[in-house]
C-alpha atoms as a PDB file:
ATOM      1  CA  UNK A   1       0.000   0.000   0.000  1.00  0.00           C
ATOM      2  CA  UNK A   2       1.411   3.389  -0.972  1.00  0.00           C
ATOM      3  CA  UNK A   3       1.449   6.347   1.417  1.00  0.00           C
ATOM      4  CA  UNK A   4      -1.353   8.039  -0.525  1.00  0.00           C
ATOM      5  CA  UNK A   5      -3.498   4.890  -0.403  1.00  0.00           C
ATOM      6  CA  UNK A   6      -2.865   4.661   3.344  1.00  0.00           C
ATOM      7  CA  UNK A   7      -3.989   8.282   3.789  1.00  0.00           C
ATOM      8  CA  UNK A   8      -7.156   7.720   1.749  1.00  0.00           C
ATOM      9  CA  UNK A   9      -7.985   4.623   3.804  1.00  0.00           C
ATOM     10  CA  UNK A  10      -8.006   6.820   6.946  1.00  0.00           C
ATOM     11  CA  UNK A  11     -10.694   9.247   5.718  1.00  0.00           C
ATOM     12  CA  UNK A  12     -14.014   9.141   7.559  1.00  0.00           C
ATOM     13  CA  UNK A  13     -16.081   6.387   5.935  1.00  0.00           C
ATOM     14  CA  UNK A  14     -19.248   8.408   5.451  1.00  0.00           C
ATOM     15  CA  UNK A  15     -17.504  10.952   3.217  1.00  0.00           C
ATOM     16  CA  UNK A  16     -17.258   8.471   0.395  1.00  0.00           C
ATOM     17  CA  UNK A  17     -20.406   6.472   1.025  1.00  0.00           C
ATOM     18  CA  UNK A  18     -20.904   5.902  -2.720  1.00  0.00           C
ATOM     19  CA  UNK A  19     -17.310   4.827  -3.452  1.00  0.00           C
ATOM     20  CA  UNK A  20     -15.088   1.962  -2.522  1.00  0.00           C
ATOM     21  CA  UNK A  21     -12.310   3.910  -0.761  1.00  0.00           C
ATOM     22  CA  UNK A  22      -9.761   1.338  -1.859  1.00  0.00           C
ATOM     23  CA  UNK A  23     -10.476   2.326  -5.489  1.00  0.00           C
ATOM     24  CA  UNK A  24     -10.200   6.093  -4.995  1.00  0.00           C
ATOM     25  CA  UNK A  25      -7.286   7.515  -6.944  1.00  0.00           C
ATOM     26  CA  UNK A  26      -5.893  10.620  -5.260  1.00  0.00           C
ATOM     27  CA  UNK A  27      -5.005  12.205  -8.627  1.00  0.00           C
ATOM     28  CA  UNK A  28      -8.010  11.154 -10.699  1.00  0.00           C
ATOM     29  CA  UNK A  29     -10.564  11.902  -7.954  1.00  0.00           C
ATOM     30  CA  UNK A  30      -8.762  14.956  -6.527  1.00  0.00           C
ATOM     31  CA  UNK A  31     -11.589  17.474  -6.996  1.00  0.00           C
ATOM     32  CA  UNK A  32     -14.230  15.177  -5.541  1.00  0.00           C
ATOM     33  CA  UNK A  33     -12.083  14.229  -2.557  1.00  0.00           C
ATOM     34  CA  UNK A  34     -11.259  17.846  -1.719  1.00  0.00           C
ATOM     35  CA  UNK A  35     -14.889  18.961  -2.172  1.00  0.00           C
ATOM     36  CA  UNK A  36     -16.236  16.229   0.108  1.00  0.00           C
ATOM     37  CA  UNK A  37     -13.728  17.061   2.814  1.00  0.00           C
ATOM     38  CA  UNK A  38     -14.457  20.787   2.636  1.00  0.00           C
ATOM     39  CA  UNK A  39     -18.212  20.157   2.698  1.00  0.00           C
ATOM     40  CA  UNK A  40     -18.452  17.464   5.355  1.00  0.00           C
ATOM     41  CA  UNK A  41     -15.034  16.358   6.565  1.00  0.00           C
ATOM     42  CA  UNK A  42     -13.968  16.152  10.168  1.00  0.00           C
ATOM     43  CA  UNK A  43     -10.820  17.789  11.513  1.00  0.00           C
ATOM     44  CA  UNK A  44      -8.799  14.626  10.904  1.00  0.00           C
ATOM     45  CA  UNK A  45     -10.023  14.465   7.294  1.00  0.00           C
ATOM     46  CA  UNK A  46      -8.796  18.002   6.740  1.00  0.00           C
ATOM     47  CA  UNK A  47      -5.383  17.157   8.192  1.00  0.00           C
ATOM     48  CA  UNK A  48      -5.162  14.165   5.854  1.00  0.00           C
ATOM     49  CA  UNK A  49      -6.269  16.321   2.895  1.00  0.00           C
ATOM     50  CA  UNK A  50      -3.326  18.667   3.487  1.00  0.00           C
ATOM     51  CA  UNK A  51      -0.992  15.653   3.451  1.00  0.00           C
ATOM     52  CA  UNK A  52      -2.344  14.574   0.049  1.00  0.00           C
ATOM     53  CA  UNK A  53      -2.719  17.922  -1.705  1.00  0.00           C
ATOM     54  CA  UNK A  54      -0.905  21.224  -1.860  1.00  0.00           C
ATOM     55  CA  UNK A  55      -2.240  24.719  -1.209  1.00  0.00           C
ATOM     56  CA  UNK A  56      -2.916  25.496  -4.884  1.00  0.00           C
ATOM     57  CA  UNK A  57      -4.863  22.259  -5.439  1.00  0.00           C
ATOM     58  CA  UNK A  58      -7.069  22.891  -2.418  1.00  0.00           C
ATOM     59  CA  UNK A  59      -7.526  26.585  -3.204  1.00  0.00           C
ATOM     60  CA  UNK A  60      -8.477  25.959  -6.839  1.00  0.00           C
ATOM     61  CA  UNK A  61     -11.080  23.368  -5.917  1.00  0.00           C
ATOM     62  CA  UNK A  62     -12.464  25.433  -3.030  1.00  0.00           C
ATOM     63  CA  UNK A  63     -12.924  28.683  -4.937  1.00  0.00           C
ATOM     64  CA  UNK A  64     -14.609  26.896  -7.841  1.00  0.00           C
ATOM     65  CA  UNK A  65     -17.132  24.903  -5.827  1.00  0.00           C
ATOM     66  CA  UNK A  66     -20.710  25.462  -7.022  1.00  0.00           C
ATOM     67  CA  UNK A  67     -22.294  25.191  -3.571  1.00  0.00           C
ATOM     68  CA  UNK A  68     -20.821  25.846  -0.176  1.00  0.00           C
ATOM     69  CA  UNK A  69     -22.447  26.961   3.035  1.00  0.00           C
ATOM     70  CA  UNK A  70     -21.545  30.475   4.142  1.00  0.00           C
ATOM     71  CA  UNK A  71     -19.836  29.183   7.291  1.00  0.00           C
ATOM     72  CA  UNK A  72     -17.583  26.968   5.180  1.00  0.00           C
ATOM     73  CA  UNK A  73     -16.746  29.872   2.860  1.00  0.00           C
ATOM     74  CA  UNK A  74     -15.752  31.977   5.857  1.00  0.00           C
ATOM     75  CA  UNK A  75     -13.660  29.150   7.282  1.00  0.00           C
ATOM     76  CA  UNK A  76     -11.925  28.326   3.986  1.00  0.00           C
ATOM     77  CA  UNK A  77     -11.342  32.025   3.336  1.00  0.00           C
ATOM     78  CA  UNK A  78      -9.518  32.188   6.675  1.00  0.00           C
ATOM     79  CA  UNK A  79      -7.556  28.957   6.136  1.00  0.00           C
ATOM     80  CA  UNK A  80      -6.536  29.852   2.567  1.00  0.00           C
ATOM     81  CA  UNK A  81      -5.935  33.550   3.297  1.00  0.00           C
ATOM     82  CA  UNK A  82      -8.211  34.740   0.499  1.00  0.00           C
ATOM     83  CA  UNK A  83     -11.238  37.005   0.355  1.00  0.00           C
ATOM     84  CA  UNK A  84     -14.704  35.442   0.616  1.00  0.00           C
ATOM     85  CA  UNK A  85     -15.606  37.149  -2.654  1.00  0.00           C
ATOM     86  CA  UNK A  86     -13.031  34.980  -4.453  1.00  0.00           C
ATOM     87  CA  UNK A  87     -15.334  31.969  -4.067  1.00  0.00           C
ATOM     88  CA  UNK A  88     -17.537  31.261  -7.076  1.00  0.00           C
ATOM     89  CA  UNK A  89     -20.454  30.395  -4.812  1.00  0.00           C
ATOM     90  CA  UNK A  90     -20.091  33.465  -2.575  1.00  0.00           C
ATOM     91  CA  UNK A  91     -23.425  35.217  -2.226  1.00  0.00           C
ATOM     92  CA  UNK A  92     -25.415  32.327  -3.692  1.00  0.00           C
ATOM     93  CA  UNK A  93     -28.041  30.644  -1.588  1.00  0.00           C
ATOM     94  CA  UNK A  94     -27.781  26.938  -1.077  1.00  0.00           C
ATOM     95  CA  UNK A  95     -30.444  24.880  -2.867  1.00  0.00           C
ATOM     96  CA  UNK A  96     -32.246  24.154   0.395  1.00  0.00           C
ATOM     97  CA  UNK A  97     -32.411  27.786   1.578  1.00  0.00           C
ATOM     98  CA  UNK A  98     -35.461  29.959   0.987  1.00  0.00           C
END
């Protein structure tokens, strides 16, 4: 098992409920993995994400996400040291909001 496969195997199971984690490819599924962790990951998942991906990878996925709760935008803005307005979904209501 490679180091990247070992890291993926440690992600919270519920994040990838519709995938066999052993078949996730950290390069091929990069955007999906980063999005799921930003949306619903636990602290440990985020730590593991930073071991797998670099700042630019995470930033590019985060700012281009179609939907993200305002609290997550604020948090990721702080973590990535970028303005909230840089996020594509900034100012958009989530599908379930009135």
